[in-house]
Amino acid sequence: MTRGPDPDGNPCISIEVAGVDMYKGGQIESSGADDIAVWFVDTDYDYESFFVRHAYFPGANDPYKALKTTLKAEIDADAWESLKRTRSRPFPRPAGGKVAVKVINHLGDEVMKVVGV
């Protein structure tokens, strides 16, 4: 997690994921960012509901083609490319002091971590 000001000088936070750890077969398996299909950030988590406020698709598999086919629509390639990242866009410090990050791998396994900021 990094901190810094936004263009107006207000404090901002940015989250970075390096990989994902999953519990399988009685042990923890670690993998890198290429194994992350999608990750989400709730920038003001309240312990009641997870609201996707940021979504990123950093993995090695390219979901752009599948999404384009499924939606039967053109998707701006530059906009899509901006979502292929492991560091979130900066966002203001949450009023509730908690941020939640949900990571889903290519097998559909999901983990979530809550971070106090």
C-alpha atoms as a PDB file:
ATOM      1  CA  MET A   1       0.000   0.000   0.000  1.00  0.00           C
ATOM      2  CA  THR A   2       1.287   3.459  -0.853  1.00  0.00           C
ATOM      3  CA  ARG A   3       0.087   6.840   0.243  1.00  0.00           C
ATOM      4  CA  GLY A   4       0.367  10.226  -1.344  1.00  0.00           C
ATOM      5  CA  PRO A   5      -1.660  13.299  -2.263  1.00  0.00           C
ATOM      6  CA  ASP A   6      -4.182  13.596  -5.075  1.00  0.00           C
ATOM      7  CA  PRO A   7      -3.935  16.551  -7.499  1.00  0.00           C
ATOM      8  CA  ASP A   8      -5.757  18.728  -4.935  1.00  0.00           C
ATOM      9  CA  GLY A   9      -3.297  17.817  -2.178  1.00  0.00           C
ATOM     10  CA  ASN A  10      -5.679  15.463  -0.331  1.00  0.00           C
ATOM     11  CA  PRO A  11      -4.161  12.231   1.013  1.00  0.00           C
ATOM     12  CA  CYS A  12      -4.683   9.189  -1.246  1.00  0.00           C
ATOM     13  CA  ILE A  13      -3.987   5.481  -0.986  1.00  0.00           C
ATOM     14  CA  SER A  14      -3.043   2.922  -3.621  1.00  0.00           C
ATOM     15  CA  ILE A  15      -3.126  -0.862  -3.155  1.00  0.00           C
ATOM     16  CA  GLU A  16      -0.799  -3.293  -4.933  1.00  0.00           C
ATOM     17  CA  VAL A  17      -1.207  -7.071  -5.174  1.00  0.00           C
ATOM     18  CA  ALA A  18       1.870  -9.229  -5.731  1.00  0.00           C
ATOM     19  CA  GLY A  19       0.095 -12.575  -5.988  1.00  0.00           C
ATOM     20  CA  VAL A  20      -2.353 -14.758  -4.151  1.00  0.00           C
ATOM     21  CA  ASP A  21      -2.049 -17.476  -1.499  1.00  0.00           C
ATOM     22  CA  MET A  22      -4.624 -20.279  -1.520  1.00  0.00           C
ATOM     23  CA  TYR A  23      -5.148 -23.122   0.930  1.00  0.00           C
ATOM     24  CA  LYS A  24      -5.176 -26.406  -1.025  1.00  0.00           C
ATOM     25  CA  GLY A  25      -4.668 -29.992   0.019  1.00  0.00           C
ATOM     26  CA  GLY A  26      -3.733 -29.092   3.574  1.00  0.00           C
ATOM     27  CA  GLN A  27      -1.105 -26.506   2.668  1.00  0.00           C
ATOM     28  CA  ILE A  28      -0.715 -22.958   1.434  1.00  0.00           C
ATOM     29  CA  GLU A  29       0.130 -22.498  -2.245  1.00  0.00           C
ATOM     30  CA  SER A  30       1.518 -19.133  -3.327  1.00  0.00           C
ATOM     31  CA  SER A  31       1.332 -17.809  -6.856  1.00  0.00           C
ATOM     32  CA  GLY A  32       2.191 -14.576  -8.654  1.00  0.00           C
ATOM     33  CA  ALA A  33       0.058 -11.904 -10.281  1.00  0.00           C
ATOM     34  CA  ASP A  34      -0.235 -13.937 -13.508  1.00  0.00           C
ATOM     35  CA  ASP A  35      -2.506 -16.344 -11.615  1.00  0.00           C
ATOM     36  CA  ILE A  36      -4.929 -13.565 -10.644  1.00  0.00           C
ATOM     37  CA  ALA A  37      -7.925 -13.453 -12.966  1.00  0.00           C
ATOM     38  CA  VAL A  38      -9.474 -10.400 -11.326  1.00  0.00           C
ATOM     39  CA  TRP A  39      -9.115  -8.372  -8.162  1.00  0.00           C
ATOM     40  CA  PHE A  40     -11.472  -5.861  -6.607  1.00  0.00           C
ATOM     41  CA  VAL A  41     -11.115  -3.065  -4.083  1.00  0.00           C
ATOM     42  CA  ASP A  42     -13.780  -1.798  -1.707  1.00  0.00           C
ATOM     43  CA  THR A  43     -12.277   1.573  -0.828  1.00  0.00           C
ATOM     44  CA  ASP A  44     -14.437   2.044   2.302  1.00  0.00           C
ATOM     45  CA  TYR A  45     -15.240  -1.417   3.670  1.00  0.00           C
ATOM     46  CA  ASP A  46     -17.866  -1.542   6.442  1.00  0.00           C
ATOM     47  CA  TYR A  47     -17.702  -5.272   7.405  1.00  0.00           C
ATOM     48  CA  GLU A  48     -21.296  -5.694   6.207  1.00  0.00           C
ATOM     49  CA  SER A  49     -21.126  -5.561   2.411  1.00  0.00           C
ATOM     50  CA  PHE A  50     -18.339  -5.629  -0.148  1.00  0.00           C
ATOM     51  CA  PHE A  51     -18.844  -2.942  -2.799  1.00  0.00           C
ATOM     52  CA  VAL A  52     -16.680  -3.209  -5.895  1.00  0.00           C
ATOM     53  CA  ARG A  53     -15.331   0.284  -6.373  1.00  0.00           C
ATOM     54  CA  HIS A  54     -12.254  -0.735  -8.402  1.00  0.00           C
ATOM     55  CA  ALA A  55     -11.798  -3.803 -10.639  1.00  0.00           C
ATOM     56  CA  TYR A  56      -8.563  -4.959 -12.303  1.00  0.00           C
ATOM     57  CA  PHE A  57      -7.652  -7.873 -14.593  1.00  0.00           C
ATOM     58  CA  PRO A  58      -3.862  -8.472 -14.411  1.00  0.00           C
ATOM     59  CA  GLY A  59      -3.630 -12.181 -15.242  1.00  0.00           C
ATOM     60  CA  ALA A  60      -1.854 -13.945 -18.068  1.00  0.00           C
ATOM     61  CA  ASN A  61      -5.135 -15.087 -19.645  1.00  0.00           C
ATOM     62  CA  ASP A  62      -6.680 -12.340 -21.747  1.00  0.00           C
ATOM     63  CA  PRO A  63     -10.348 -11.955 -20.776  1.00  0.00           C
ATOM     64  CA  TYR A  64     -10.766  -9.092 -23.296  1.00  0.00           C
ATOM     65  CA  LYS A  65     -11.568 -11.436 -26.187  1.00  0.00           C
ATOM     66  CA  ALA A  66     -14.039 -13.521 -24.153  1.00  0.00           C
ATOM     67  CA  LEU A  67     -15.775 -10.438 -22.772  1.00  0.00           C
ATOM     68  CA  LYS A  68     -16.006  -8.855 -26.219  1.00  0.00           C
ATOM     69  CA  THR A  69     -17.525 -12.076 -27.616  1.00  0.00           C
ATOM     70  CA  THR A  70     -19.946 -12.495 -24.708  1.00  0.00           C
ATOM     71  CA  LEU A  71     -21.164  -8.904 -24.810  1.00  0.00           C
ATOM     72  CA  LYS A  72     -21.188  -8.871 -28.614  1.00  0.00           C
ATOM     73  CA  ALA A  73     -19.879  -5.329 -28.435  1.00  0.00           C
ATOM     74  CA  GLU A  74     -16.759  -3.330 -29.037  1.00  0.00           C
ATOM     75  CA  ILE A  75     -14.786  -2.464 -25.929  1.00  0.00           C
ATOM     76  CA  ASP A  76     -12.277   0.365 -26.025  1.00  0.00           C
ATOM     77  CA  ALA A  77      -8.927  -1.463 -26.078  1.00  0.00           C
ATOM     78  CA  ASP A  78      -7.067   1.387 -24.346  1.00  0.00           C
ATOM     79  CA  ALA A  79      -9.651   1.549 -21.552  1.00  0.00           C
ATOM     80  CA  TRP A  80      -9.442  -2.211 -21.131  1.00  0.00           C
ATOM     81  CA  GLU A  81      -5.631  -2.128 -21.066  1.00  0.00           C
ATOM     82  CA  SER A  82      -5.771   0.409 -18.222  1.00  0.00           C
ATOM     83  CA  LEU A  83      -7.461  -2.272 -16.085  1.00  0.00           C
ATOM     84  CA  LYS A  84      -4.646  -4.796 -16.588  1.00  0.00           C
ATOM     85  CA  ARG A  85      -2.649  -3.816 -13.524  1.00  0.00           C
ATOM     86  CA  THR A  86      -1.520  -4.928 -10.092  1.00  0.00           C
ATOM     87  CA  ARG A  87      -1.515  -1.457  -8.491  1.00  0.00           C
ATOM     88  CA  SER A  88      -4.837   0.293  -8.003  1.00  0.00           C
ATOM     89  CA  ARG A  89      -5.548   3.800  -9.048  1.00  0.00           C
ATOM     90  CA  PRO A  90      -5.172   6.220  -6.109  1.00  0.00           C
ATOM     91  CA  PHE A  91      -8.254   6.795  -3.996  1.00  0.00           C
ATOM     92  CA  PRO A  92      -9.064   8.988  -0.982  1.00  0.00           C
ATOM     93  CA  ARG A  93      -8.484   7.682   2.544  1.00  0.00           C
ATOM     94  CA  PRO A  94     -11.695   5.899   3.631  1.00  0.00           C
ATOM     95  CA  ALA A  95     -13.858   7.536   6.274  1.00  0.00           C
ATOM     96  CA  GLY A  96     -14.279   4.166   8.025  1.00  0.00           C
ATOM     97  CA  GLY A  97     -10.538   3.457   8.013  1.00  0.00           C
ATOM     98  CA  LYS A  98     -10.851   0.048   6.287  1.00  0.00           C
ATOM     99  CA  VAL A  99     -10.142  -1.141   2.761  1.00  0.00           C
ATOM    100  CA  ALA A 100     -11.006  -4.643   1.526  1.00  0.00           C
ATOM    101  CA  VAL A 101      -9.280  -6.412  -1.357  1.00  0.00           C
ATOM    102  CA  LYS A 102     -10.862  -9.464  -2.994  1.00  0.00           C
ATOM    103  CA  VAL A 103      -8.730 -11.619  -5.310  1.00  0.00           C
ATOM    104  CA  ILE A 104     -10.039 -14.371  -7.610  1.00  0.00           C
ATOM    105  CA  ASN A 105      -7.683 -16.753  -9.418  1.00  0.00           C
ATOM    106  CA  HIS A 106      -8.267 -18.448 -12.777  1.00  0.00           C
ATOM    107  CA  LEU A 107      -9.834 -21.466 -11.052  1.00  0.00           C
ATOM    108  CA  GLY A 108     -12.470 -19.299  -9.350  1.00  0.00           C
ATOM    109  CA  ASP A 109     -10.877 -19.534  -5.906  1.00  0.00           C
ATOM    110  CA  GLU A 110     -11.505 -16.355  -3.940  1.00  0.00           C
ATOM    111  CA  VAL A 111      -9.782 -14.701  -0.975  1.00  0.00           C
ATOM    112  CA  MET A 112     -10.379 -11.392   0.739  1.00  0.00           C
ATOM    113  CA  LYS A 113      -8.206  -9.284   3.008  1.00  0.00           C
ATOM    114  CA  VAL A 114      -9.236  -6.266   5.075  1.00  0.00           C
ATOM    115  CA  VAL A 115      -6.597  -3.609   5.698  1.00  0.00           C
ATOM    116  CA  GLY A 116      -6.752  -0.798   8.211  1.00  0.00           C
ATOM    117  CA  VAL A 117      -5.522   2.522   6.851  1.00  0.00           C
END
